[in-house]
Each structure stands twice: as structure tokens, then as C-alpha cells.
Amino acid sequence: MAADIFEDAERRMHKAVEALRQDLSAIRTGRASAALVDRIQVDYYGAPTPINQVCQISVPEARLIVIQPYERKLLTDIEKAIQKSDLGINPNNDGQVIRLNIPPLNEERRREMVKTLHKKLDEHKVAIRNIRRDAQDKLRDREKKKEITEDELKRSSERLQKLTDRYIDEMDKVGKTKELEILEV
């Protein structure tokens, strides 16, 4: 009876884990990654456009990101967008491409990054718990309407808690992996 509720909850929890992965990919580690600049928006003919839609982004070395715009006149706009972002990296513009040298993180900055990571992790765990609460409310409504029995409600609640625990554990693993990346010297 409650299979549709579980399918919906599991689908939404999976999306929450994927959203966490995407959020964490934007957190800078000691290594260069094209994901660091994915969230930057460039003013392209008056419309804010993701940077990866107006240029080619490559990582030729462990501490270097090279950005080559499809249109040369975008160089200054891309440079300004990178400076306005919270990356804390100064772009080097040579008239053809923009180079971002990723400096190694000092210990204090690494600890700040880990705090940011834990904050994002907690926000996404709250999203998982909200999904659980919504599913639990739907189950209670069905029980009130006599669509499921009280025993089915109890079993479904336990199954829902196991599903929630599984996705919270998955989030913890993703967070732990990212934390190790940040703390790696």
C-alpha cells in the first residue's frame, strides 16, 4: 500500500545525496578541479551564464586550471566574474586564456574549509530528515483514512527510518572522503 510513498522518499533522498556531492565539489581542496569554477556566472550579452557554457575549462596540472573562452571578448568578463567569486584566486589573463594557479592551502584555511564542509553536510542531512517527516506524515494520513492498518504504519515507519539511516550514512561517507581530500597535504 505504501510503496509509492517509499519510492518517492527514496528518489528524493537520492537527489539530496547528489546535491551534496555537487555542493562539495565546489569546495576547494589542494588540487585543481574544473568543478571549482562551475558555479561562477559570467555576464554573457546581459544574461548571467554558467562559465562552463562560454568557455572550455581544462586542468593540465595538479595546481592549474586553464580557461579558454569561445569568444575572446569574454576574457575580461570571465576574469571579473572569477575575481568576484569566493574562490580567493587571482586569474592570470594573457590575452588568449585565463590561468588560475591554485595555491596550496595553509592549515588555518584547511580547518575553515572543513567547517564549511560540515555545515553543508548538516544542511543536507536536514533535507533528508524533512523528506522522512513528509513520508511519515503521508503514512499517518493513510492510517487515519483507514487505507493502512496501525501495524502497517509501525512497520512502514521502521522501514522509513532504515532508509533514512542508509542515506545519512551515505552522506557521512561522502563528507568523510571530502574531508580527507581537504586535509591532505
N, C-alpha and C. Protein backbone atom coordinates (compact mmCIF):
# COMPACT_ATOMS: atom_id res chain seq x y z
N MET A 1 0.81 -1.20 0.00
CA MET A 1 0.00 0.00 0.00
C MET A 1 0.86 1.27 0.00
N ALA A 2 1.92 1.27 0.77
CA ALA A 2 2.73 2.47 0.93
C ALA A 2 3.96 2.48 0.02
N ALA A 3 3.98 1.61 -0.97
CA ALA A 3 5.16 1.51 -1.85
C ALA A 3 5.43 2.82 -2.59
N ASP A 4 4.39 3.50 -3.01
CA ASP A 4 4.59 4.77 -3.73
C ASP A 4 5.23 5.82 -2.84
N ILE A 5 4.89 5.82 -1.57
CA ILE A 5 5.49 6.77 -0.62
C ILE A 5 6.99 6.48 -0.47
N PHE A 6 7.34 5.20 -0.37
CA PHE A 6 8.75 4.82 -0.23
C PHE A 6 9.55 5.14 -1.49
N GLU A 7 8.95 4.88 -2.65
CA GLU A 7 9.64 5.19 -3.91
C GLU A 7 9.93 6.68 -4.02
N ASP A 8 8.94 7.49 -3.66
CA ASP A 8 9.11 8.94 -3.72
C ASP A 8 10.17 9.40 -2.72
N ALA A 9 10.10 8.88 -1.50
CA ALA A 9 11.07 9.27 -0.47
C ALA A 9 12.48 8.86 -0.87
N GLU A 10 12.64 7.64 -1.40
CA GLU A 10 13.97 7.17 -1.79
C GLU A 10 14.51 8.01 -2.95
N ARG A 11 13.67 8.32 -3.92
CA ARG A 11 14.10 9.15 -5.05
C ARG A 11 14.56 10.52 -4.57
N ARG A 12 13.79 11.12 -3.66
CA ARG A 12 14.15 12.45 -3.15
C ARG A 12 15.42 12.40 -2.29
N MET A 13 15.60 11.33 -1.52
CA MET A 13 16.81 11.20 -0.70
C MET A 13 18.04 11.01 -1.59
N HIS A 14 17.88 10.24 -2.66
CA HIS A 14 18.99 10.06 -3.60
C HIS A 14 19.38 11.40 -4.22
N LYS A 15 18.39 12.21 -4.57
CA LYS A 15 18.66 13.54 -5.14
C LYS A 15 19.37 14.42 -4.12
N ALA A 16 19.03 14.28 -2.85
CA ALA A 16 19.68 15.07 -1.81
C ALA A 16 21.16 14.70 -1.69
N VAL A 17 21.47 13.41 -1.82
CA VAL A 17 22.87 12.97 -1.76
C VAL A 17 23.63 13.52 -2.97
N GLU A 18 23.00 13.47 -4.14
CA GLU A 18 23.65 14.01 -5.35
C GLU A 18 23.87 15.52 -5.23
N ALA A 19 22.91 16.21 -4.65
CA ALA A 19 23.06 17.66 -4.44
C ALA A 19 24.22 17.94 -3.49
N LEU A 20 24.38 17.10 -2.47
CA LEU A 20 25.51 17.23 -1.55
C LEU A 20 26.82 17.05 -2.30
N ARG A 21 26.90 16.01 -3.13
CA ARG A 21 28.13 15.78 -3.90
C ARG A 21 28.46 16.99 -4.76
N GLN A 22 27.44 17.56 -5.39
CA GLN A 22 27.67 18.72 -6.25
C GLN A 22 28.11 19.93 -5.41
N ASP A 23 27.48 20.14 -4.27
CA ASP A 23 27.87 21.24 -3.39
C ASP A 23 29.32 21.08 -2.93
N LEU A 24 29.69 19.88 -2.55
CA LEU A 24 31.04 19.64 -2.04
C LEU A 24 32.10 19.73 -3.13
N SER A 25 31.72 19.49 -4.37
CA SER A 25 32.70 19.58 -5.45
C SER A 25 33.19 21.02 -5.63
N ALA A 26 32.39 21.97 -5.17
CA ALA A 26 32.78 23.38 -5.29
C ALA A 26 33.71 23.83 -4.16
N ILE A 27 33.89 22.99 -3.14
CA ILE A 27 34.80 23.34 -2.05
C ILE A 27 36.21 23.03 -2.50
N ARG A 28 37.06 24.02 -2.37
CA ARG A 28 38.44 23.91 -2.85
C ARG A 28 39.27 22.99 -1.98
N THR A 29 39.99 22.10 -2.63
CA THR A 29 40.97 21.28 -1.93
C THR A 29 42.33 21.76 -2.42
N GLY A 30 43.37 21.07 -2.12
CA GLY A 30 44.70 21.47 -2.56
C GLY A 30 44.93 21.24 -4.05
N ARG A 31 44.02 20.50 -4.69
CA ARG A 31 44.18 20.17 -6.10
C ARG A 31 43.23 20.99 -6.96
N ALA A 32 43.64 21.21 -8.21
CA ALA A 32 42.79 21.91 -9.17
C ALA A 32 41.69 20.96 -9.64
N SER A 33 40.52 21.53 -9.87
CA SER A 33 39.39 20.78 -10.40
C SER A 33 38.50 21.73 -11.17
N ALA A 34 38.01 21.30 -12.30
CA ALA A 34 37.12 22.15 -13.10
C ALA A 34 35.84 22.47 -12.33
N ALA A 35 35.47 21.62 -11.39
CA ALA A 35 34.26 21.84 -10.60
C ALA A 35 34.38 23.09 -9.72
N LEU A 36 35.59 23.55 -9.45
CA LEU A 36 35.78 24.74 -8.63
C LEU A 36 35.13 25.97 -9.27
N VAL A 37 35.13 26.04 -10.58
CA VAL A 37 34.62 27.23 -11.26
C VAL A 37 33.23 27.03 -11.86
N ASP A 38 32.65 25.84 -11.71
CA ASP A 38 31.35 25.55 -12.32
C ASP A 38 30.23 26.49 -11.87
N ARG A 39 30.28 26.96 -10.66
CA ARG A 39 29.20 27.80 -10.14
C ARG A 39 29.35 29.28 -10.50
N ILE A 40 30.46 29.64 -11.11
CA ILE A 40 30.68 31.04 -11.47
C ILE A 40 29.80 31.42 -12.65
N GLN A 41 29.15 32.57 -12.54
CA GLN A 41 28.27 33.09 -13.58
C GLN A 41 28.98 34.25 -14.29
N VAL A 42 28.96 34.22 -15.63
CA VAL A 42 29.58 35.26 -16.45
C VAL A 42 28.48 36.05 -17.13
N ASP A 43 28.66 37.37 -17.21
CA ASP A 43 27.70 38.21 -17.91
C ASP A 43 27.91 38.02 -19.41
N TYR A 44 27.01 37.30 -20.05
CA TYR A 44 27.12 36.98 -21.48
C TYR A 44 25.96 37.66 -22.20
N TYR A 45 26.27 38.76 -22.87
CA TYR A 45 25.27 39.57 -23.57
C TYR A 45 24.11 39.94 -22.65
N GLY A 46 24.45 40.34 -21.44
CA GLY A 46 23.46 40.83 -20.49
C GLY A 46 22.77 39.75 -19.67
N ALA A 47 23.07 38.50 -19.92
CA ALA A 47 22.43 37.41 -19.16
C ALA A 47 23.48 36.64 -18.37
N PRO A 48 23.25 36.39 -17.08
CA PRO A 48 24.19 35.58 -16.31
C PRO A 48 24.19 34.14 -16.83
N THR A 49 25.36 33.67 -17.21
CA THR A 49 25.50 32.35 -17.83
C THR A 49 26.59 31.58 -17.10
N PRO A 50 26.37 30.29 -16.86
CA PRO A 50 27.44 29.49 -16.22
C PRO A 50 28.72 29.53 -17.06
N ILE A 51 29.84 29.63 -16.37
CA ILE A 51 31.13 29.79 -17.04
C ILE A 51 31.44 28.64 -17.99
N ASN A 52 31.00 27.43 -17.65
CA ASN A 52 31.32 26.28 -18.49
C ASN A 52 30.53 26.26 -19.80
N GLN A 53 29.60 27.21 -19.98
CA GLN A 53 28.86 27.30 -21.24
C GLN A 53 29.45 28.32 -22.20
N VAL A 54 30.41 29.12 -21.72
CA VAL A 54 31.00 30.14 -22.59
C VAL A 54 32.50 29.90 -22.82
N CYS A 55 33.03 28.84 -22.25
CA CYS A 55 34.46 28.59 -22.42
C CYS A 55 34.79 27.12 -22.17
N GLN A 56 35.98 26.76 -22.54
CA GLN A 56 36.49 25.41 -22.28
C GLN A 56 37.37 25.48 -21.04
N ILE A 57 37.13 24.57 -20.12
CA ILE A 57 37.88 24.53 -18.87
C ILE A 57 38.69 23.25 -18.84
N SER A 58 40.00 23.38 -18.61
CA SER A 58 40.85 22.19 -18.54
C SER A 58 41.77 22.29 -17.33
N VAL A 59 42.26 21.14 -16.90
CA VAL A 59 43.16 21.05 -15.76
C VAL A 59 44.42 20.31 -16.23
N PRO A 60 45.39 21.05 -16.82
CA PRO A 60 46.59 20.39 -17.34
C PRO A 60 47.57 19.92 -16.27
N GLU A 61 47.53 20.55 -15.10
CA GLU A 61 48.43 20.20 -14.00
C GLU A 61 47.62 20.12 -12.71
N ALA A 62 48.23 19.59 -11.67
CA ALA A 62 47.53 19.40 -10.39
C ALA A 62 47.13 20.72 -9.73
N ARG A 63 47.84 21.80 -10.02
CA ARG A 63 47.54 23.09 -9.38
C ARG A 63 47.24 24.19 -10.40
N LEU A 64 46.70 23.83 -11.55
CA LEU A 64 46.44 24.83 -12.59
C LEU A 64 45.14 24.53 -13.31
N ILE A 65 44.30 25.56 -13.45
CA ILE A 65 43.09 25.48 -14.26
C ILE A 65 43.26 26.47 -15.40
N VAL A 66 43.00 26.01 -16.63
CA VAL A 66 43.11 26.86 -17.80
C VAL A 66 41.70 27.06 -18.37
N ILE A 67 41.33 28.33 -18.56
CA ILE A 67 40.01 28.68 -19.08
C ILE A 67 40.20 29.37 -20.43
N GLN A 68 39.65 28.76 -21.47
CA GLN A 68 39.76 29.32 -22.81
C GLN A 68 38.36 29.64 -23.32
N PRO A 69 38.03 30.95 -23.39
CA PRO A 69 36.69 31.32 -23.84
C PRO A 69 36.49 31.04 -25.32
N TYR A 70 35.23 30.78 -25.68
CA TYR A 70 34.90 30.56 -27.09
C TYR A 70 34.98 31.87 -27.87
N GLU A 71 34.75 32.99 -27.18
CA GLU A 71 34.86 34.31 -27.79
C GLU A 71 35.89 35.11 -26.98
N ARG A 72 36.89 35.64 -27.66
CA ARG A 72 37.99 36.31 -26.98
C ARG A 72 37.52 37.53 -26.18
N LYS A 73 36.46 38.21 -26.65
CA LYS A 73 35.99 39.41 -25.95
C LYS A 73 35.43 39.09 -24.56
N LEU A 74 35.22 37.82 -24.25
CA LEU A 74 34.72 37.44 -22.93
C LEU A 74 35.81 37.34 -21.87
N LEU A 75 37.07 37.45 -22.28
CA LEU A 75 38.18 37.29 -21.33
C LEU A 75 38.03 38.20 -20.11
N THR A 76 37.76 39.47 -20.34
CA THR A 76 37.67 40.40 -19.20
C THR A 76 36.45 40.10 -18.34
N ASP A 77 35.32 39.73 -18.98
CA ASP A 77 34.13 39.40 -18.20
C ASP A 77 34.35 38.16 -17.33
N ILE A 78 35.03 37.17 -17.89
CA ILE A 78 35.33 35.95 -17.13
C ILE A 78 36.28 36.27 -15.98
N GLU A 79 37.27 37.10 -16.28
CA GLU A 79 38.24 37.49 -15.25
C GLU A 79 37.53 38.21 -14.10
N LYS A 80 36.63 39.14 -14.42
CA LYS A 80 35.88 39.87 -13.39
C LYS A 80 35.01 38.91 -12.57
N ALA A 81 34.36 37.96 -13.24
CA ALA A 81 33.49 37.02 -12.54
C ALA A 81 34.29 36.16 -11.56
N ILE A 82 35.50 35.77 -11.97
CA ILE A 82 36.34 34.95 -11.08
C ILE A 82 36.79 35.77 -9.88
N GLN A 83 37.14 37.04 -10.11
CA GLN A 83 37.57 37.90 -9.00
C GLN A 83 36.42 38.15 -8.03
N LYS A 84 35.19 38.25 -8.52
CA LYS A 84 34.03 38.49 -7.64
C LYS A 84 33.63 37.23 -6.86
N SER A 85 34.02 36.07 -7.38
CA SER A 85 33.62 34.81 -6.73
C SER A 85 34.35 34.65 -5.40
N ASP A 86 33.93 33.66 -4.63
CA ASP A 86 34.53 33.41 -3.32
C ASP A 86 35.70 32.43 -3.39
N LEU A 87 36.26 32.22 -4.59
CA LEU A 87 37.39 31.30 -4.73
C LEU A 87 38.65 31.79 -4.04
N GLY A 88 38.87 33.10 -4.06
CA GLY A 88 40.08 33.65 -3.46
C GLY A 88 41.31 33.40 -4.31
N ILE A 89 41.12 33.32 -5.63
CA ILE A 89 42.23 33.08 -6.56
C ILE A 89 42.26 34.21 -7.57
N ASN A 90 43.45 34.77 -7.81
CA ASN A 90 43.58 35.81 -8.82
C ASN A 90 43.84 35.18 -10.19
N PRO A 91 43.01 35.53 -11.17
CA PRO A 91 43.22 34.98 -12.51
C PRO A 91 44.35 35.68 -13.25
N ASN A 92 45.09 34.93 -14.07
CA ASN A 92 46.15 35.48 -14.92
C ASN A 92 45.65 35.44 -16.37
N ASN A 93 45.49 36.63 -16.97
CA ASN A 93 44.97 36.75 -18.32
C ASN A 93 46.12 37.08 -19.26
N ASP A 94 46.38 36.22 -20.27
CA ASP A 94 47.46 36.50 -21.22
C ASP A 94 46.95 36.93 -22.59
N GLY A 95 45.66 37.27 -22.69
CA GLY A 95 45.09 37.69 -23.95
C GLY A 95 44.48 36.54 -24.75
N GLN A 96 44.82 35.31 -24.41
CA GLN A 96 44.28 34.13 -25.10
C GLN A 96 43.46 33.25 -24.13
N VAL A 97 44.06 33.00 -22.98
CA VAL A 97 43.43 32.14 -21.98
C VAL A 97 43.59 32.78 -20.60
N ILE A 98 42.82 32.27 -19.66
CA ILE A 98 42.95 32.68 -18.26
C ILE A 98 43.48 31.48 -17.50
N ARG A 99 44.52 31.72 -16.72
CA ARG A 99 45.11 30.65 -15.91
C ARG A 99 44.82 30.94 -14.44
N LEU A 100 44.41 29.91 -13.75
CA LEU A 100 44.18 30.00 -12.30
C LEU A 100 45.18 29.08 -11.62
N ASN A 101 46.14 29.67 -10.93
CA ASN A 101 47.10 28.88 -10.16
C ASN A 101 46.50 28.63 -8.78
N ILE A 102 46.33 27.39 -8.45
CA ILE A 102 45.73 27.01 -7.17
C ILE A 102 46.84 26.93 -6.13
N PRO A 103 46.89 27.87 -5.20
CA PRO A 103 47.94 27.80 -4.19
C PRO A 103 47.65 26.68 -3.18
N PRO A 104 48.69 26.13 -2.59
CA PRO A 104 48.45 25.12 -1.56
C PRO A 104 47.75 25.76 -0.36
N LEU A 105 46.88 25.01 0.27
CA LEU A 105 46.13 25.54 1.42
C LEU A 105 46.99 25.48 2.68
N ASN A 106 46.91 26.56 3.47
CA ASN A 106 47.59 26.51 4.77
C ASN A 106 46.67 25.83 5.79
N GLU A 107 47.18 25.53 6.94
CA GLU A 107 46.45 24.75 7.94
C GLU A 107 45.16 25.47 8.38
N GLU A 108 45.25 26.77 8.59
CA GLU A 108 44.08 27.53 9.04
C GLU A 108 42.97 27.49 7.99
N ARG A 109 43.34 27.66 6.72
CA ARG A 109 42.35 27.64 5.64
C ARG A 109 41.73 26.25 5.50
N ARG A 110 42.53 25.21 5.71
CA ARG A 110 42.00 23.84 5.64
C ARG A 110 40.94 23.63 6.71
N ARG A 111 41.20 24.15 7.92
CA ARG A 111 40.23 23.99 9.02
C ARG A 111 38.94 24.76 8.71
N GLU A 112 39.06 25.94 8.09
CA GLU A 112 37.86 26.70 7.68
C GLU A 112 37.06 25.92 6.65
N MET A 113 37.77 25.30 5.72
CA MET A 113 37.11 24.50 4.68
C MET A 113 36.37 23.32 5.30
N VAL A 114 36.98 22.68 6.28
CA VAL A 114 36.34 21.54 6.94
C VAL A 114 35.08 22.01 7.67
N LYS A 115 35.13 23.18 8.30
CA LYS A 115 33.94 23.72 8.97
C LYS A 115 32.83 23.97 7.95
N THR A 116 33.19 24.53 6.80
CA THR A 116 32.22 24.77 5.73
C THR A 116 31.63 23.44 5.27
N LEU A 117 32.48 22.45 5.13
CA LEU A 117 32.03 21.12 4.72
C LEU A 117 31.00 20.56 5.70
N HIS A 118 31.29 20.65 6.99
CA HIS A 118 30.37 20.12 8.00
C HIS A 118 29.05 20.88 8.01
N LYS A 119 29.12 22.18 7.77
CA LYS A 119 27.89 22.98 7.71
C LYS A 119 27.01 22.53 6.54
N LYS A 120 27.62 22.35 5.37
CA LYS A 120 26.87 21.89 4.20
C LYS A 120 26.32 20.48 4.43
N LEU A 121 27.11 19.64 5.06
CA LEU A 121 26.69 18.27 5.36
C LEU A 121 25.46 18.28 6.26
N ASP A 122 25.48 19.12 7.29
CA ASP A 122 24.34 19.23 8.20
C ASP A 122 23.09 19.73 7.48
N GLU A 123 23.27 20.70 6.57
CA GLU A 123 22.12 21.23 5.82
C GLU A 123 21.47 20.13 4.98
N HIS A 124 22.29 19.31 4.36
CA HIS A 124 21.75 18.24 3.52
C HIS A 124 21.15 17.11 4.35
N LYS A 125 21.67 16.88 5.55
CA LYS A 125 21.07 15.88 6.44
C LYS A 125 19.69 16.35 6.88
N VAL A 126 19.54 17.66 7.10
CA VAL A 126 18.23 18.20 7.46
C VAL A 126 17.25 17.95 6.32
N ALA A 127 17.71 18.09 5.08
CA ALA A 127 16.84 17.82 3.93
C ALA A 127 16.36 16.37 3.94
N ILE A 128 17.27 15.44 4.25
CA ILE A 128 16.89 14.02 4.34
C ILE A 128 15.84 13.82 5.43
N ARG A 129 16.06 14.45 6.57
CA ARG A 129 15.10 14.30 7.68
C ARG A 129 13.75 14.91 7.33
N ASN A 130 13.76 16.00 6.57
CA ASN A 130 12.49 16.61 6.13
C ASN A 130 11.74 15.67 5.19
N ILE A 131 12.47 14.99 4.33
CA ILE A 131 11.85 14.01 3.43
C ILE A 131 11.22 12.88 4.25
N ARG A 132 11.95 12.43 5.28
CA ARG A 132 11.42 11.38 6.16
C ARG A 132 10.14 11.86 6.84
N ARG A 133 10.16 13.10 7.33
CA ARG A 133 8.97 13.64 8.01
C ARG A 133 7.78 13.71 7.06
N ASP A 134 8.01 14.16 5.82
CA ASP A 134 6.92 14.23 4.84
C ASP A 134 6.33 12.85 4.58
N ALA A 135 7.21 11.86 4.40
CA ALA A 135 6.74 10.50 4.14
C ALA A 135 5.98 9.96 5.36
N GLN A 136 6.48 10.25 6.55
CA GLN A 136 5.81 9.81 7.78
C GLN A 136 4.42 10.44 7.88
N ASP A 137 4.31 11.71 7.54
CA ASP A 137 3.00 12.39 7.56
C ASP A 137 2.04 11.74 6.57
N LYS A 138 2.53 11.38 5.40
CA LYS A 138 1.67 10.73 4.40
C LYS A 138 1.20 9.37 4.91
N LEU A 139 2.11 8.65 5.57
CA LEU A 139 1.73 7.35 6.12
C LEU A 139 0.66 7.51 7.21
N ARG A 140 0.82 8.49 8.06
CA ARG A 140 -0.18 8.73 9.12
C ARG A 140 -1.53 9.11 8.52
N ASP A 141 -1.51 9.91 7.46
CA ASP A 141 -2.77 10.29 6.80
C ASP A 141 -3.48 9.06 6.25
N ARG A 142 -2.72 8.14 5.66
CA ARG A 142 -3.32 6.92 5.13
C ARG A 142 -3.89 6.06 6.25
N GLU A 143 -3.22 6.07 7.38
CA GLU A 143 -3.72 5.29 8.51
C GLU A 143 -5.01 5.91 9.05
N LYS A 144 -5.08 7.23 9.07
CA LYS A 144 -6.30 7.90 9.53
C LYS A 144 -7.47 7.63 8.59
N LYS A 145 -7.15 7.53 7.30
CA LYS A 145 -8.19 7.25 6.29
C LYS A 145 -8.51 5.76 6.22
N LYS A 146 -7.87 4.97 7.08
CA LYS A 146 -8.06 3.53 7.16
C LYS A 146 -7.60 2.81 5.88
N GLU A 147 -6.62 3.41 5.17
CA GLU A 147 -6.06 2.76 3.97
C GLU A 147 -4.99 1.75 4.37
N ILE A 148 -4.34 2.00 5.51
CA ILE A 148 -3.37 1.04 6.05
C ILE A 148 -3.69 0.84 7.53
N THR A 149 -3.27 -0.30 8.06
CA THR A 149 -3.56 -0.59 9.47
C THR A 149 -2.49 0.04 10.36
N GLU A 150 -2.74 0.00 11.64
CA GLU A 150 -1.80 0.54 12.62
C GLU A 150 -0.49 -0.25 12.59
N ASP A 151 -0.58 -1.56 12.41
CA ASP A 151 0.62 -2.40 12.32
C ASP A 151 1.43 -2.05 11.07
N GLU A 152 0.74 -1.85 9.96
CA GLU A 152 1.43 -1.46 8.73
C GLU A 152 2.13 -0.12 8.90
N LEU A 153 1.48 0.79 9.61
CA LEU A 153 2.08 2.10 9.88
C LEU A 153 3.37 1.93 10.68
N LYS A 154 3.34 1.07 11.70
CA LYS A 154 4.52 0.85 12.51
C LYS A 154 5.65 0.23 11.68
N ARG A 155 5.33 -0.81 10.90
CA ARG A 155 6.34 -1.45 10.05
C ARG A 155 6.88 -0.46 9.01
N SER A 156 6.01 0.32 8.44
CA SER A 156 6.42 1.31 7.43
C SER A 156 7.31 2.38 8.05
N SER A 157 6.99 2.78 9.26
CA SER A 157 7.81 3.79 9.94
C SER A 157 9.22 3.26 10.21
N GLU A 158 9.30 1.99 10.61
CA GLU A 158 10.61 1.39 10.85
C GLU A 158 11.40 1.28 9.55
N ARG A 159 10.71 0.88 8.48
CA ARG A 159 11.37 0.77 7.17
C ARG A 159 11.84 2.15 6.69
N LEU A 160 11.03 3.17 6.93
CA LEU A 160 11.39 4.53 6.55
C LEU A 160 12.61 5.02 7.33
N GLN A 161 12.68 4.66 8.62
CA GLN A 161 13.83 5.05 9.43
C GLN A 161 15.10 4.38 8.93
N LYS A 162 15.01 3.10 8.53
CA LYS A 162 16.18 2.39 7.99
C LYS A 162 16.64 3.05 6.69
N LEU A 163 15.69 3.45 5.85
CA LEU A 163 16.02 4.14 4.60
C LEU A 163 16.72 5.46 4.89
N THR A 164 16.19 6.20 5.85
CA THR A 164 16.79 7.47 6.24
C THR A 164 18.21 7.26 6.77
N ASP A 165 18.38 6.28 7.64
CA ASP A 165 19.71 5.99 8.19
C ASP A 165 20.71 5.63 7.09
N ARG A 166 20.24 4.86 6.10
CA ARG A 166 21.12 4.46 5.00
C ARG A 166 21.62 5.69 4.22
N TYR A 167 20.72 6.63 3.94
CA TYR A 167 21.12 7.81 3.17
C TYR A 167 21.95 8.78 4.01
N ILE A 168 21.68 8.86 5.31
CA ILE A 168 22.50 9.69 6.19
C ILE A 168 23.93 9.11 6.25
N ASP A 169 24.03 7.78 6.34
CA ASP A 169 25.35 7.13 6.34
C ASP A 169 26.08 7.41 5.03
N GLU A 170 25.35 7.37 3.92
CA GLU A 170 25.98 7.65 2.63
C GLU A 170 26.51 9.08 2.59
N MET A 171 25.73 10.01 3.15
CA MET A 171 26.18 11.40 3.21
C MET A 171 27.43 11.52 4.08
N ASP A 172 27.45 10.80 5.19
CA ASP A 172 28.63 10.84 6.07
C ASP A 172 29.87 10.34 5.34
N LYS A 173 29.71 9.28 4.53
CA LYS A 173 30.84 8.75 3.77
C LYS A 173 31.33 9.77 2.75
N VAL A 174 30.41 10.43 2.06
CA VAL A 174 30.78 11.45 1.08
C VAL A 174 31.52 12.59 1.79
N GLY A 175 31.01 13.02 2.94
CA GLY A 175 31.64 14.09 3.71
C GLY A 175 33.02 13.70 4.21
N LYS A 176 33.16 12.46 4.68
CA LYS A 176 34.45 11.99 5.19
C LYS A 176 35.50 11.96 4.08
N THR A 177 35.09 11.51 2.89
CA THR A 177 36.00 11.46 1.75
C THR A 177 36.47 12.87 1.39
N LYS A 178 35.54 13.83 1.37
CA LYS A 178 35.89 15.20 1.03
C LYS A 178 36.78 15.81 2.11
N GLU A 179 36.50 15.49 3.36
CA GLU A 179 37.32 16.00 4.47
C GLU A 179 38.76 15.50 4.35
N LEU A 180 38.93 14.24 3.99
CA LEU A 180 40.28 13.71 3.79
C LEU A 180 40.99 14.40 2.63
N GLU A 181 40.24 14.72 1.56
CA GLU A 181 40.82 15.45 0.43
C GLU A 181 41.31 16.83 0.88
N ILE A 182 40.51 17.50 1.69
CA ILE A 182 40.86 18.85 2.14
C ILE A 182 42.08 18.81 3.04
N LEU A 183 42.14 17.85 3.94
CA LEU A 183 43.23 17.79 4.91
C LEU A 183 44.51 17.19 4.35
N GLU A 184 44.42 16.59 3.16
CA GLU A 184 45.60 16.01 2.51
C GLU A 184 46.59 17.11 2.14
N VAL A 185 47.85 16.93 2.55
CA VAL A 185 48.87 17.94 2.27
C VAL A 185 49.66 17.57 1.05
